[in-house]
Amino acid sequence: MNSGESLPETYRKKPNKNRINMTKRRTFLKGFLIGLSIFILVNILAAHLFSDCGLPALLGFSACADDISRAGFPFVFFEQGGFAYHVTFDLPFLILDLIIGTGVAVFMGIFFNRKKNISE
């Protein structure tokens, strides 16, 4: 009885073309955020493992006397500490790390989006 043929033109359901695009955008965004989160967590883990006294050394909370704090993955862009105290900050390595992290996140977004399209 409610097949839509008996309804006036204004009450008939019209196909929503934006719904498909929003689903693709949400799927891409979900993959992008997962990829970005993974890259951030890997950087935190690398800072913990590369620093002499772990992550507290990088944050300034450690009680180690001559610890060296390092940050960055895959390129170490920040290093400070040591017996003869020194500070090293490499902007090109930071930019490369950011480019790699963004690339990983975009790849994950495309991968999730493509996987969703194949399953439909």
Protein backbone atom coordinates (compact mmCIF):
# COMPACT_ATOMS: atom_id res chain seq x y z
CA MET A 1 0.00 0.00 0.00
CA ASN A 2 2.86 2.42 0.78
CA SER A 3 4.85 1.68 -2.34
CA GLY A 4 5.49 5.35 -2.97
CA GLU A 5 3.57 5.37 -6.24
CA SER A 6 0.38 6.61 -4.62
CA LEU A 7 2.15 9.43 -2.74
CA PRO A 8 2.41 12.94 -4.16
CA GLU A 9 5.74 14.00 -5.64
CA THR A 10 6.77 16.01 -2.56
CA TYR A 11 6.51 13.00 -0.20
CA ARG A 12 8.38 10.44 -2.29
CA LYS A 13 11.81 9.39 -1.13
CA LYS A 14 14.52 10.76 -3.32
CA PRO A 15 17.91 9.06 -3.60
CA ASN A 16 20.42 10.91 -1.46
CA LYS A 17 23.70 11.16 -3.37
CA ASN A 18 25.49 12.87 -0.47
CA ARG A 19 25.04 9.84 1.77
CA ILE A 20 27.50 7.78 -0.26
CA ASN A 21 30.08 10.56 -0.17
CA MET A 22 29.66 11.06 3.58
CA THR A 23 30.10 7.34 4.19
CA LYS A 24 33.31 7.36 2.15
CA ARG A 25 34.54 10.43 3.98
CA ARG A 26 33.80 8.92 7.38
CA THR A 27 35.51 5.67 6.45
CA PHE A 28 38.56 7.57 5.19
CA LEU A 29 38.59 9.74 8.32
CA LYS A 30 38.39 6.66 10.55
CA GLY A 31 41.36 5.06 8.76
CA PHE A 32 43.28 8.35 8.77
CA LEU A 33 42.81 8.81 12.53
CA ILE A 34 43.77 5.19 13.23
CA GLY A 35 46.96 5.59 11.15
CA LEU A 36 47.80 8.88 12.86
CA SER A 37 47.21 7.35 16.30
CA ILE A 38 49.46 4.40 15.49
CA PHE A 39 52.23 6.74 14.34
CA ILE A 40 51.93 8.88 17.49
CA LEU A 41 52.02 5.80 19.73
CA VAL A 42 55.08 4.44 17.90
CA ASN A 43 56.81 7.81 18.42
CA ILE A 44 56.01 7.74 22.15
CA LEU A 45 57.29 4.17 22.41
CA ALA A 46 60.47 5.08 20.49
CA ALA A 47 61.07 8.07 22.79
CA HIS A 48 60.73 5.75 25.77
CA LEU A 49 63.09 3.13 24.34
CA PHE A 50 65.70 5.52 22.89
CA SER A 51 66.01 7.70 26.01
CA ASP A 52 68.38 6.45 28.71
CA CYS A 53 65.86 6.66 31.56
CA GLY A 54 62.70 6.22 29.52
CA LEU A 55 59.84 8.59 28.87
CA PRO A 56 60.15 10.44 32.21
CA ALA A 57 63.60 11.59 31.07
CA LEU A 58 62.09 13.21 27.99
CA LEU A 59 59.43 14.90 30.10
CA GLY A 60 61.98 16.09 32.68
CA PHE A 61 60.77 13.93 35.58
CA SER A 62 63.64 11.43 35.83
CA ALA A 63 66.22 11.27 38.60
CA CYS A 64 69.00 9.95 36.36
CA ALA A 65 72.20 11.97 36.57
CA ASP A 66 73.58 11.80 33.03
CA ASP A 67 70.65 10.61 30.97
CA ILE A 68 70.21 11.44 27.31
CA SER A 69 66.67 12.11 26.11
CA ARG A 70 65.82 11.41 22.47
CA ALA A 71 62.62 11.94 20.48
CA GLY A 72 61.57 11.03 16.97
CA PHE A 73 60.82 8.00 14.85
CA PRO A 74 62.10 6.97 12.31
CA PHE A 75 64.51 9.93 12.49
CA VAL A 76 65.70 11.24 15.88
CA PHE A 77 65.12 14.98 15.65
CA PHE A 78 65.68 15.93 19.31
CA GLU A 79 68.43 14.95 21.74
CA GLN A 80 69.47 16.52 25.03
CA GLY A 81 71.50 15.63 28.10
CA GLY A 82 74.63 13.64 28.76
CA PHE A 83 77.72 14.15 30.91
CA ALA A 84 78.77 17.15 28.80
CA TYR A 85 75.26 18.56 28.42
CA HIS A 86 74.21 19.21 24.84
CA VAL A 87 70.98 19.93 22.97
CA THR A 88 70.41 18.95 19.35
CA PHE A 89 67.28 19.81 17.37
CA ASP A 90 67.12 18.95 13.65
CA LEU A 91 64.25 20.67 11.87
CA PRO A 92 64.67 18.70 8.59
CA PHE A 93 64.30 15.41 10.50
CA LEU A 94 61.19 16.74 12.25
CA ILE A 95 59.68 17.72 8.90
CA LEU A 96 60.53 14.29 7.45
CA ASP A 97 58.92 12.59 10.45
CA LEU A 98 55.77 14.69 10.00
CA ILE A 99 55.64 13.89 6.27
CA ILE A 100 56.06 10.16 6.94
CA GLY A 101 53.38 10.25 9.67
CA THR A 102 50.94 12.07 7.39
CA GLY A 103 51.71 9.64 4.59
CA VAL A 104 51.05 6.63 6.83
CA ALA A 105 47.77 8.18 7.98
CA VAL A 106 46.64 8.94 4.40
CA PHE A 107 47.59 5.42 3.31
CA MET A 108 45.55 3.94 6.17
CA GLY A 109 42.59 6.15 5.24
CA ILE A 110 42.73 5.03 1.61
CA PHE A 111 43.17 1.40 2.69
CA PHE A 112 40.12 1.53 4.99
CA ASN A 113 38.07 3.32 2.33
CA ARG A 114 39.03 0.79 -0.33
CA LYS A 115 38.38 -2.16 1.98
CA LYS A 116 34.90 -0.77 2.74
CA ASN A 117 34.14 -0.36 -1.00
CA ILE A 118 35.23 -3.94 -1.78
CA SER A 119 33.02 -5.41 0.97
CA GLU A 120 29.91 -3.56 -0.32
